[in-house]
Amino acid sequence: MKTGNALKILFKFDKTFEMKGVNYLTDEQGNKTAVVISMKNYKEEIEDFLDGLEAQNRLQEPSVDFEKAVSKILKAKPSNGRLSAKNKKIS
């Protein structure tokens, strides 16, 4: 399966079925134009799908060497490991 800028998912079913919590919006001609999916029924699946889209989009970003990133973070961390007063959250 080739993928472009968006994650493509292909499904093949031999017969029509109904999924609870999934509704289609249609135009005046009856063509499906959008889908409304219940978060109550499919929250984890929707989050997984969106995570996949995000991962696909990030493939275009430049990568950073893990060891260099850790080194940079450790150099920026104060020696006592505590946040300075200006960075502390005040409630």
N, C-alpha and C. Protein backbone atom coordinates (compact mmCIF):
# COMPACT_ATOMS: atom_id res chain seq x y z
N MET A 1 0.85 -1.17 0.00
CA MET A 1 0.00 0.00 0.00
C MET A 1 0.89 1.23 0.00
N LYS A 2 0.69 2.11 -0.93
CA LYS A 2 1.44 3.37 -1.00
C LYS A 2 0.73 4.40 -0.14
N THR A 3 1.53 5.23 0.54
CA THR A 3 0.94 6.32 1.31
C THR A 3 1.53 7.62 0.84
N GLY A 4 0.69 8.65 0.80
CA GLY A 4 1.15 9.98 0.43
C GLY A 4 1.33 10.79 1.69
N ASN A 5 0.80 11.99 1.70
CA ASN A 5 0.90 12.86 2.87
C ASN A 5 -0.06 12.48 3.97
N ALA A 6 -1.05 11.67 3.65
CA ALA A 6 -2.02 11.27 4.66
C ALA A 6 -1.98 9.76 4.81
N LEU A 7 -2.35 9.31 5.98
CA LEU A 7 -2.42 7.88 6.25
C LEU A 7 -3.60 7.30 5.50
N LYS A 8 -3.37 6.25 4.73
CA LYS A 8 -4.45 5.63 3.98
C LYS A 8 -4.77 4.28 4.59
N ILE A 9 -6.03 4.05 4.84
CA ILE A 9 -6.47 2.78 5.39
C ILE A 9 -7.47 2.18 4.43
N LEU A 10 -7.27 0.94 4.05
CA LEU A 10 -8.16 0.29 3.11
C LEU A 10 -8.91 -0.83 3.83
N PHE A 11 -10.21 -0.90 3.61
CA PHE A 11 -11.04 -1.95 4.18
C PHE A 11 -11.76 -2.65 3.04
N LYS A 12 -11.91 -3.95 3.14
CA LYS A 12 -12.67 -4.69 2.14
C LYS A 12 -13.65 -5.60 2.88
N PHE A 13 -14.93 -5.41 2.61
CA PHE A 13 -15.97 -6.21 3.23
C PHE A 13 -16.86 -6.80 2.14
N ASP A 14 -17.32 -8.01 2.36
CA ASP A 14 -18.17 -8.68 1.39
C ASP A 14 -19.62 -8.22 1.47
N LYS A 15 -20.03 -7.69 2.61
CA LYS A 15 -21.42 -7.24 2.73
C LYS A 15 -21.47 -5.95 3.54
N THR A 16 -22.57 -5.25 3.41
CA THR A 16 -22.76 -3.99 4.12
C THR A 16 -23.06 -4.29 5.58
N PHE A 17 -22.58 -3.46 6.46
CA PHE A 17 -22.85 -3.61 7.88
C PHE A 17 -23.04 -2.24 8.50
N GLU A 18 -23.62 -2.21 9.67
CA GLU A 18 -23.86 -0.95 10.37
C GLU A 18 -23.01 -0.93 11.63
N MET A 19 -22.37 0.21 11.86
CA MET A 19 -21.57 0.38 13.07
C MET A 19 -22.28 1.36 13.99
N LYS A 20 -22.51 0.97 15.23
CA LYS A 20 -23.14 1.87 16.18
C LYS A 20 -22.19 3.02 16.48
N GLY A 21 -22.72 4.24 16.50
CA GLY A 21 -21.91 5.41 16.81
C GLY A 21 -21.20 6.01 15.61
N VAL A 22 -21.51 5.53 14.41
CA VAL A 22 -20.90 6.08 13.20
C VAL A 22 -22.02 6.58 12.30
N ASN A 23 -22.00 7.87 11.99
CA ASN A 23 -23.02 8.48 11.15
C ASN A 23 -22.37 9.28 10.04
N TYR A 24 -22.98 9.26 8.87
CA TYR A 24 -22.47 9.98 7.72
C TYR A 24 -23.31 11.23 7.45
N LEU A 25 -22.63 12.30 7.07
CA LEU A 25 -23.30 13.50 6.60
C LEU A 25 -23.29 13.44 5.08
N THR A 26 -24.40 13.79 4.48
CA THR A 26 -24.50 13.72 3.02
C THR A 26 -24.90 15.07 2.43
N ASP A 27 -24.58 15.23 1.16
CA ASP A 27 -25.00 16.44 0.45
C ASP A 27 -26.40 16.22 -0.12
N GLU A 28 -26.87 17.20 -0.90
CA GLU A 28 -28.23 17.14 -1.45
C GLU A 28 -28.45 15.93 -2.37
N GLN A 29 -27.37 15.44 -2.99
CA GLN A 29 -27.48 14.29 -3.89
C GLN A 29 -27.33 12.95 -3.16
N GLY A 30 -27.12 13.00 -1.86
CA GLY A 30 -26.97 11.77 -1.08
C GLY A 30 -25.54 11.25 -1.02
N ASN A 31 -24.58 12.02 -1.54
CA ASN A 31 -23.17 11.62 -1.48
C ASN A 31 -22.62 11.86 -0.07
N LYS A 32 -21.91 10.88 0.46
CA LYS A 32 -21.31 11.03 1.78
C LYS A 32 -20.22 12.10 1.71
N THR A 33 -20.29 13.08 2.60
CA THR A 33 -19.31 14.17 2.61
C THR A 33 -18.48 14.22 3.89
N ALA A 34 -18.98 13.61 4.95
CA ALA A 34 -18.26 13.62 6.22
C ALA A 34 -18.78 12.47 7.08
N VAL A 35 -18.00 12.16 8.10
CA VAL A 35 -18.41 11.11 9.03
C VAL A 35 -18.32 11.65 10.46
N VAL A 36 -19.29 11.30 11.27
CA VAL A 36 -19.29 11.67 12.68
C VAL A 36 -19.14 10.36 13.46
N ILE A 37 -18.09 10.27 14.27
CA ILE A 37 -17.80 9.04 15.01
C ILE A 37 -17.90 9.32 16.50
N SER A 38 -18.65 8.50 17.19
CA SER A 38 -18.86 8.67 18.62
C SER A 38 -17.57 8.45 19.41
N MET A 39 -17.19 9.46 20.18
CA MET A 39 -16.03 9.32 21.05
C MET A 39 -16.32 8.32 22.17
N LYS A 40 -17.58 8.22 22.57
CA LYS A 40 -17.97 7.28 23.61
C LYS A 40 -17.66 5.85 23.17
N ASN A 41 -17.95 5.54 21.92
CA ASN A 41 -17.78 4.18 21.42
C ASN A 41 -16.39 3.89 20.89
N TYR A 42 -15.70 4.92 20.35
CA TYR A 42 -14.47 4.68 19.60
C TYR A 42 -13.31 5.59 20.00
N LYS A 43 -13.28 6.03 21.26
CA LYS A 43 -12.25 6.97 21.69
C LYS A 43 -10.82 6.45 21.42
N GLU A 44 -10.54 5.23 21.84
CA GLU A 44 -9.18 4.70 21.66
C GLU A 44 -8.83 4.55 20.19
N GLU A 45 -9.77 4.09 19.38
CA GLU A 45 -9.50 3.92 17.96
C GLU A 45 -9.25 5.25 17.26
N ILE A 46 -10.02 6.28 17.66
CA ILE A 46 -9.83 7.61 17.07
C ILE A 46 -8.47 8.16 17.48
N GLU A 47 -8.10 8.00 18.76
CA GLU A 47 -6.80 8.48 19.22
C GLU A 47 -5.67 7.76 18.49
N ASP A 48 -5.80 6.45 18.28
CA ASP A 48 -4.78 5.69 17.54
C ASP A 48 -4.67 6.19 16.10
N PHE A 49 -5.81 6.43 15.47
CA PHE A 49 -5.82 6.92 14.10
C PHE A 49 -5.14 8.29 14.01
N LEU A 50 -5.48 9.20 14.93
CA LEU A 50 -4.88 10.54 14.92
C LEU A 50 -3.39 10.47 15.24
N ASP A 51 -2.98 9.56 16.14
CA ASP A 51 -1.56 9.37 16.41
C ASP A 51 -0.83 8.93 15.15
N GLY A 52 -1.46 8.05 14.37
CA GLY A 52 -0.86 7.60 13.11
C GLY A 52 -0.69 8.74 12.12
N LEU A 53 -1.71 9.61 12.04
CA LEU A 53 -1.60 10.77 11.15
C LEU A 53 -0.47 11.69 11.59
N GLU A 54 -0.36 11.90 12.90
CA GLU A 54 0.70 12.76 13.43
C GLU A 54 2.08 12.16 13.12
N ALA A 55 2.21 10.86 13.31
CA ALA A 55 3.48 10.20 13.02
C ALA A 55 3.82 10.32 11.54
N GLN A 56 2.83 10.14 10.68
CA GLN A 56 3.05 10.27 9.23
C GLN A 56 3.51 11.68 8.87
N ASN A 57 2.89 12.69 9.48
CA ASN A 57 3.28 14.07 9.21
C ASN A 57 4.68 14.37 9.70
N ARG A 58 5.08 13.75 10.80
CA ARG A 58 6.40 14.02 11.37
C ARG A 58 7.54 13.35 10.61
N LEU A 59 7.21 12.43 9.71
CA LEU A 59 8.25 11.80 8.91
C LEU A 59 8.99 12.82 8.06
N GLN A 60 8.35 13.95 7.77
CA GLN A 60 8.95 15.00 6.95
C GLN A 60 9.89 15.89 7.76
N GLU A 61 9.81 15.83 9.10
CA GLU A 61 10.64 16.69 9.95
C GLU A 61 12.07 16.15 10.00
N PRO A 62 13.03 17.05 10.18
CA PRO A 62 14.42 16.57 10.31
C PRO A 62 14.57 15.79 11.62
N SER A 63 15.41 14.76 11.58
CA SER A 63 15.61 13.95 12.78
C SER A 63 16.76 14.52 13.60
N VAL A 64 16.78 14.16 14.89
CA VAL A 64 17.83 14.60 15.80
C VAL A 64 18.44 13.35 16.41
N ASP A 65 19.75 13.28 16.45
CA ASP A 65 20.44 12.15 17.06
C ASP A 65 20.07 12.08 18.54
N PHE A 66 19.67 10.90 19.01
CA PHE A 66 19.21 10.72 20.38
C PHE A 66 20.27 11.13 21.39
N GLU A 67 21.50 10.68 21.22
CA GLU A 67 22.57 10.99 22.18
C GLU A 67 22.83 12.50 22.25
N LYS A 68 22.80 13.18 21.11
CA LYS A 68 23.00 14.63 21.09
C LYS A 68 21.86 15.34 21.81
N ALA A 69 20.62 14.86 21.62
CA ALA A 69 19.47 15.48 22.27
C ALA A 69 19.56 15.32 23.78
N VAL A 70 19.92 14.13 24.26
CA VAL A 70 20.05 13.89 25.70
C VAL A 70 21.16 14.77 26.27
N SER A 71 22.27 14.84 25.58
CA SER A 71 23.38 15.68 26.03
C SER A 71 22.96 17.14 26.15
N LYS A 72 22.23 17.64 25.18
CA LYS A 72 21.77 19.03 25.20
C LYS A 72 20.83 19.28 26.38
N ILE A 73 19.93 18.33 26.64
CA ILE A 73 18.99 18.47 27.76
C ILE A 73 19.74 18.47 29.09
N LEU A 74 20.71 17.56 29.24
CA LEU A 74 21.46 17.48 30.50
C LEU A 74 22.31 18.71 30.73
N LYS A 75 22.86 19.29 29.68
CA LYS A 75 23.65 20.52 29.82
C LYS A 75 22.77 21.69 30.25
N ALA A 76 21.51 21.71 29.82
CA ALA A 76 20.61 22.81 30.15
C ALA A 76 20.02 22.67 31.55
N LYS A 77 20.09 21.49 32.13
CA LYS A 77 19.52 21.23 33.46
C LYS A 77 20.43 21.83 34.53
N PRO A 78 19.85 22.54 35.51
CA PRO A 78 20.67 23.08 36.61
C PRO A 78 21.35 21.95 37.37
N SER A 79 22.49 22.23 37.98
CA SER A 79 23.26 21.20 38.67
C SER A 79 22.50 20.58 39.85
N ASN A 80 21.61 21.37 40.48
CA ASN A 80 20.86 20.82 41.62
C ASN A 80 19.59 20.10 41.18
N GLY A 81 19.28 20.13 39.89
CA GLY A 81 18.12 19.43 39.36
C GLY A 81 16.79 20.09 39.67
N ARG A 82 16.82 21.30 40.25
CA ARG A 82 15.59 21.99 40.62
C ARG A 82 15.32 23.15 39.68
N LEU A 83 14.04 23.47 39.58
CA LEU A 83 13.67 24.63 38.77
C LEU A 83 14.03 25.90 39.50
N SER A 84 14.39 26.92 38.77
CA SER A 84 14.64 28.21 39.41
C SER A 84 13.29 28.83 39.78
N ALA A 85 13.31 29.81 40.65
CA ALA A 85 12.07 30.44 41.13
C ALA A 85 11.26 31.03 39.98
N LYS A 86 11.92 31.54 38.96
CA LYS A 86 11.19 32.15 37.85
C LYS A 86 10.41 31.12 37.02
N ASN A 87 10.79 29.83 37.11
CA ASN A 87 10.11 28.80 36.35
C ASN A 87 9.05 28.04 37.15
N LYS A 88 8.99 28.28 38.45
CA LYS A 88 8.04 27.55 39.28
C LYS A 88 6.64 28.05 39.03
N LYS A 89 5.70 27.13 39.03
CA LYS A 89 4.31 27.47 38.85
C LYS A 89 3.75 27.97 40.18
N ILE A 90 3.13 29.11 40.17
CA ILE A 90 2.55 29.68 41.38
C ILE A 90 1.05 29.45 41.34
N SER A 91 0.50 28.81 42.40
CA SER A 91 -0.93 28.55 42.41
C SER A 91 -1.68 29.58 43.19
